[in-house]
């Protein structure tokens, strides 16, 4: 029959394992901004003439983003709600290519670089530490308390 001490060790082990299991597996920050920046020229990215989009062929939302970015002091227009983005633009979060976050746009005879990207988001650092630091420590404590409880239980 296990003693009270053995039961306490095993109960602490179960609590440690439950705490480790309760840690989030992966948490992504939901604070994402959607940015459109517009600059004259190609920004060093190459494109074919067939890739150039006429300003008039952009959706009303994309035209608004283009105009707002062009008028902005830093050439960037930012919204924080995906519902406010232009549906015909892909807001890249990593690799940028023509039609995938980068659009050459002809406006008043000049070709501009329109870059649409997501900013922010990513790994939540607190969740990262919970998963990769705190959870393993709790699991190790659970193993230690569990083995100690079993050892004392078997020894008696």
C-alpha atoms as a PDB file:
ATOM      1  CA  UNK A   1       0.000   0.000   0.000  1.00  0.00           C
ATOM      2  CA  UNK A   2       1.506   3.344  -1.000  1.00  0.00           C
ATOM      3  CA  UNK A   3       2.124   5.753   1.818  1.00  0.00           C
ATOM      4  CA  UNK A   4       0.876   9.323   1.937  1.00  0.00           C
ATOM      5  CA  UNK A   5       4.357  10.539   0.907  1.00  0.00           C
ATOM      6  CA  UNK A   6       4.297   8.289  -2.202  1.00  0.00           C
ATOM      7  CA  UNK A   7       0.882   9.605  -3.198  1.00  0.00           C
ATOM      8  CA  UNK A   8       2.086  13.214  -2.777  1.00  0.00           C
ATOM      9  CA  UNK A   9       5.120  12.537  -5.017  1.00  0.00           C
ATOM     10  CA  UNK A  10       2.940  10.944  -7.679  1.00  0.00           C
ATOM     11  CA  UNK A  11       0.333  13.745  -7.419  1.00  0.00           C
ATOM     12  CA  UNK A  12       3.056  16.388  -7.882  1.00  0.00           C
ATOM     13  CA  UNK A  13       4.347  14.413 -10.886  1.00  0.00           C
ATOM     14  CA  UNK A  14       0.859  14.390 -12.432  1.00  0.00           C
ATOM     15  CA  UNK A  15       0.478  18.147 -11.842  1.00  0.00           C
ATOM     16  CA  UNK A  16       3.880  18.791 -13.472  1.00  0.00           C
ATOM     17  CA  UNK A  17       2.972  16.665 -16.504  1.00  0.00           C
ATOM     18  CA  UNK A  18      -0.407  18.376 -16.791  1.00  0.00           C
ATOM     19  CA  UNK A  19       1.280  21.791 -16.617  1.00  0.00           C
ATOM     20  CA  UNK A  20       3.747  20.826 -19.344  1.00  0.00           C
ATOM     21  CA  UNK A  21       0.945  19.487 -21.530  1.00  0.00           C
ATOM     22  CA  UNK A  22      -1.109  22.655 -21.025  1.00  0.00           C
ATOM     23  CA  UNK A  23       1.572  24.878 -22.554  1.00  0.00           C
ATOM     24  CA  UNK A  24       0.636  26.213 -25.999  1.00  0.00           C
ATOM     25  CA  UNK A  25       2.185  24.201 -28.793  1.00  0.00           C
ATOM     26  CA  UNK A  26       2.657  27.190 -31.069  1.00  0.00           C
ATOM     27  CA  UNK A  27       1.272  30.663 -30.736  1.00  0.00           C
ATOM     28  CA  UNK A  28       1.362  33.172 -33.544  1.00  0.00           C
ATOM     29  CA  UNK A  29       0.831  36.812 -32.786  1.00  0.00           C
ATOM     30  CA  UNK A  30      -2.291  38.097 -34.485  1.00  0.00           C
ATOM     31  CA  UNK A  31      -1.111  41.710 -34.606  1.00  0.00           C
ATOM     32  CA  UNK A  32      -0.537  41.919 -38.362  1.00  0.00           C
ATOM     33  CA  UNK A  33      -0.421  45.123 -40.387  1.00  0.00           C
ATOM     34  CA  UNK A  34      -0.869  45.219 -44.140  1.00  0.00           C
ATOM     35  CA  UNK A  35       1.367  47.751 -45.878  1.00  0.00           C
ATOM     36  CA  UNK A  36       1.475  49.104 -49.400  1.00  0.00           C
ATOM     37  CA  UNK A  37       4.507  51.133 -50.396  1.00  0.00           C
ATOM     38  CA  UNK A  38       4.870  52.927 -53.694  1.00  0.00           C
ATOM     39  CA  UNK A  39       8.120  54.251 -55.152  1.00  0.00           C
ATOM     40  CA  UNK A  40       9.076  55.384 -58.656  1.00  0.00           C
ATOM     41  CA  UNK A  41      11.214  52.856 -60.526  1.00  0.00           C
ATOM     42  CA  UNK A  42      11.750  49.154 -60.105  1.00  0.00           C
ATOM     43  CA  UNK A  43      13.432  48.992 -56.663  1.00  0.00           C
ATOM     44  CA  UNK A  44      16.055  46.812 -58.324  1.00  0.00           C
ATOM     45  CA  UNK A  45      13.546  44.053 -59.064  1.00  0.00           C
ATOM     46  CA  UNK A  46      13.303  42.921 -62.659  1.00  0.00           C
ATOM     47  CA  UNK A  47      10.076  42.542 -64.575  1.00  0.00           C
ATOM     48  CA  UNK A  48       8.891  42.238 -68.149  1.00  0.00           C
ATOM     49  CA  UNK A  49       6.867  44.939 -69.837  1.00  0.00           C
ATOM     50  CA  UNK A  50       3.966  42.475 -69.904  1.00  0.00           C
ATOM     51  CA  UNK A  51       4.055  42.446 -66.064  1.00  0.00           C
ATOM     52  CA  UNK A  52       3.274  46.174 -65.832  1.00  0.00           C
ATOM     53  CA  UNK A  53      -0.266  46.838 -64.611  1.00  0.00           C
ATOM     54  CA  UNK A  54      -2.060  49.990 -65.666  1.00  0.00           C
ATOM     55  CA  UNK A  55      -3.292  52.017 -62.685  1.00  0.00           C
ATOM     56  CA  UNK A  56      -6.771  52.017 -64.220  1.00  0.00           C
ATOM     57  CA  UNK A  57      -6.839  48.199 -64.124  1.00  0.00           C
ATOM     58  CA  UNK A  58      -6.313  48.066 -60.347  1.00  0.00           C
ATOM     59  CA  UNK A  59      -9.339  47.538 -58.126  1.00  0.00           C
ATOM     60  CA  UNK A  60     -10.786  50.569 -56.358  1.00  0.00           C
ATOM     61  CA  UNK A  61      -9.190  49.352 -53.102  1.00  0.00           C
ATOM     62  CA  UNK A  62      -5.779  48.936 -54.748  1.00  0.00           C
ATOM     63  CA  UNK A  63      -6.086  52.394 -56.338  1.00  0.00           C
ATOM     64  CA  UNK A  64      -6.921  53.841 -52.919  1.00  0.00           C
ATOM     65  CA  UNK A  65      -3.900  52.086 -51.362  1.00  0.00           C
ATOM     66  CA  UNK A  66      -1.661  53.279 -54.233  1.00  0.00           C
ATOM     67  CA  UNK A  67      -2.879  56.895 -53.931  1.00  0.00           C
ATOM     68  CA  UNK A  68      -2.599  56.856 -50.136  1.00  0.00           C
ATOM     69  CA  UNK A  69       0.931  55.431 -50.238  1.00  0.00           C
ATOM     70  CA  UNK A  70       2.012  57.889 -52.914  1.00  0.00           C
ATOM     71  CA  UNK A  71       0.669  60.789 -50.831  1.00  0.00           C
ATOM     72  CA  UNK A  72       2.146  59.515 -47.549  1.00  0.00           C
ATOM     73  CA  UNK A  73       5.292  61.083 -46.160  1.00  0.00           C
ATOM     74  CA  UNK A  74       7.108  57.747 -46.052  1.00  0.00           C
ATOM     75  CA  UNK A  75       5.499  56.378 -49.261  1.00  0.00           C
ATOM     76  CA  UNK A  76       3.677  53.712 -47.244  1.00  0.00           C
ATOM     77  CA  UNK A  77       0.003  53.145 -46.513  1.00  0.00           C
ATOM     78  CA  UNK A  78      -0.759  50.765 -43.622  1.00  0.00           C
ATOM     79  CA  UNK A  79      -3.999  49.166 -42.459  1.00  0.00           C
ATOM     80  CA  UNK A  80      -4.409  46.741 -39.576  1.00  0.00           C
ATOM     81  CA  UNK A  81      -7.526  44.929 -40.724  1.00  0.00           C
ATOM     82  CA  UNK A  82      -7.415  42.364 -43.528  1.00  0.00           C
ATOM     83  CA  UNK A  83     -10.895  43.531 -44.584  1.00  0.00           C
ATOM     84  CA  UNK A  84      -9.356  46.891 -45.545  1.00  0.00           C
ATOM     85  CA  UNK A  85      -6.838  45.343 -47.958  1.00  0.00           C
ATOM     86  CA  UNK A  86      -7.080  45.290 -51.729  1.00  0.00           C
ATOM     87  CA  UNK A  87      -8.374  41.900 -52.918  1.00  0.00           C
ATOM     88  CA  UNK A  88      -6.289  41.958 -56.098  1.00  0.00           C
ATOM     89  CA  UNK A  89      -3.012  42.403 -54.204  1.00  0.00           C
ATOM     90  CA  UNK A  90      -1.160  39.589 -52.503  1.00  0.00           C
ATOM     91  CA  UNK A  91       0.351  40.864 -49.253  1.00  0.00           C
ATOM     92  CA  UNK A  92       3.589  38.879 -49.036  1.00  0.00           C
ATOM     93  CA  UNK A  93       5.086  37.902 -45.720  1.00  0.00           C
ATOM     94  CA  UNK A  94       8.281  36.372 -47.017  1.00  0.00           C
ATOM     95  CA  UNK A  95       9.345  35.874 -50.645  1.00  0.00           C
ATOM     96  CA  UNK A  96       8.460  38.720 -53.001  1.00  0.00           C
ATOM     97  CA  UNK A  97       8.058  38.262 -56.750  1.00  0.00           C
ATOM     98  CA  UNK A  98       6.157  39.969 -59.544  1.00  0.00           C
ATOM     99  CA  UNK A  99       2.463  39.405 -58.828  1.00  0.00           C
ATOM    100  CA  UNK A 100       3.335  38.095 -55.361  1.00  0.00           C
ATOM    101  CA  UNK A 101       3.806  41.178 -53.215  1.00  0.00           C
ATOM    102  CA  UNK A 102       5.474  43.210 -55.975  1.00  0.00           C
ATOM    103  CA  UNK A 103       3.594  44.950 -58.764  1.00  0.00           C
ATOM    104  CA  UNK A 104       5.012  47.319 -61.381  1.00  0.00           C
ATOM    105  CA  UNK A 105       2.220  49.877 -61.944  1.00  0.00           C
ATOM    106  CA  UNK A 106       2.095  52.471 -64.711  1.00  0.00           C
ATOM    107  CA  UNK A 107       0.619  55.733 -63.458  1.00  0.00           C
ATOM    108  CA  UNK A 108       0.724  58.971 -65.469  1.00  0.00           C
ATOM    109  CA  UNK A 109       3.341  57.474 -67.802  1.00  0.00           C
ATOM    110  CA  UNK A 110       5.717  56.481 -64.966  1.00  0.00           C
ATOM    111  CA  UNK A 111       6.237  52.911 -63.757  1.00  0.00           C
ATOM    112  CA  UNK A 112       6.078  52.669 -59.973  1.00  0.00           C
ATOM    113  CA  UNK A 113       6.948  49.778 -57.697  1.00  0.00           C
ATOM    114  CA  UNK A 114       3.983  48.814 -55.579  1.00  0.00           C
ATOM    115  CA  UNK A 115       5.011  46.526 -52.742  1.00  0.00           C
ATOM    116  CA  UNK A 116       2.315  44.874 -50.637  1.00  0.00           C
ATOM    117  CA  UNK A 117       3.457  43.070 -47.524  1.00  0.00           C
ATOM    118  CA  UNK A 118       2.418  41.870 -44.107  1.00  0.00           C
ATOM    119  CA  UNK A 119       4.225  43.282 -41.114  1.00  0.00           C
ATOM    120  CA  UNK A 120       4.233  41.945 -37.615  1.00  0.00           C
ATOM    121  CA  UNK A 121       2.741  38.689 -36.567  1.00  0.00           C
ATOM    122  CA  UNK A 122       5.178  35.828 -36.195  1.00  0.00           C
ATOM    123  CA  UNK A 123       6.145  33.910 -33.115  1.00  0.00           C
ATOM    124  CA  UNK A 124       4.878  35.054 -29.753  1.00  0.00           C
ATOM    125  CA  UNK A 125       8.087  35.075 -27.702  1.00  0.00           C
ATOM    126  CA  UNK A 126       6.289  34.309 -24.428  1.00  0.00           C
ATOM    127  CA  UNK A 127       4.713  31.218 -25.966  1.00  0.00           C
ATOM    128  CA  UNK A 128       8.106  30.264 -27.404  1.00  0.00           C
ATOM    129  CA  UNK A 129       9.650  30.301 -23.907  1.00  0.00           C
ATOM    130  CA  UNK A 130       6.695  28.419 -22.466  1.00  0.00           C
ATOM    131  CA  UNK A 131       7.054  25.653 -25.009  1.00  0.00           C
ATOM    132  CA  UNK A 132      10.830  25.388 -25.161  1.00  0.00           C
ATOM    133  CA  UNK A 133      11.883  26.327 -21.628  1.00  0.00           C
ATOM    134  CA  UNK A 134       9.119  25.968 -19.067  1.00  0.00           C
ATOM    135  CA  UNK A 135       7.396  22.853 -20.471  1.00  0.00           C
ATOM    136  CA  UNK A 136      10.598  20.741 -20.549  1.00  0.00           C
ATOM    137  CA  UNK A 137      11.433  21.808 -16.984  1.00  0.00           C
ATOM    138  CA  UNK A 138       7.950  20.827 -15.813  1.00  0.00           C
ATOM    139  CA  UNK A 139       8.206  17.511 -17.660  1.00  0.00           C
ATOM    140  CA  UNK A 140      11.612  16.818 -16.083  1.00  0.00           C
ATOM    141  CA  UNK A 141      10.220  17.633 -12.637  1.00  0.00           C
ATOM    142  CA  UNK A 142       7.279  15.326 -13.366  1.00  0.00           C
ATOM    143  CA  UNK A 143       9.677  12.496 -14.233  1.00  0.00           C
ATOM    144  CA  UNK A 144      11.764  13.160 -11.114  1.00  0.00           C
ATOM    145  CA  UNK A 145       8.784  13.270  -8.761  1.00  0.00           C
ATOM    146  CA  UNK A 146       7.159  10.276 -10.454  1.00  0.00           C
ATOM    147  CA  UNK A 147      10.281   8.124 -10.239  1.00  0.00           C
ATOM    148  CA  UNK A 148      10.856   9.190  -6.639  1.00  0.00           C
ATOM    149  CA  UNK A 149       7.273   8.256  -5.745  1.00  0.00           C
ATOM    150  CA  UNK A 150       7.577   4.878  -7.470  1.00  0.00           C
ATOM    151  CA  UNK A 151      10.963   4.258  -5.833  1.00  0.00           C
ATOM    152  CA  UNK A 152       9.631   4.915  -2.323  1.00  0.00           C
ATOM    153  CA  UNK A 153       6.481   2.907  -3.069  1.00  0.00           C
ATOM    154  CA  UNK A 154       8.436  -0.135  -4.276  1.00  0.00           C
ATOM    155  CA  UNK A 155      11.109   0.178  -1.553  1.00  0.00           C
ATOM    156  CA  UNK A 156       8.626  -0.178   1.298  1.00  0.00           C
END
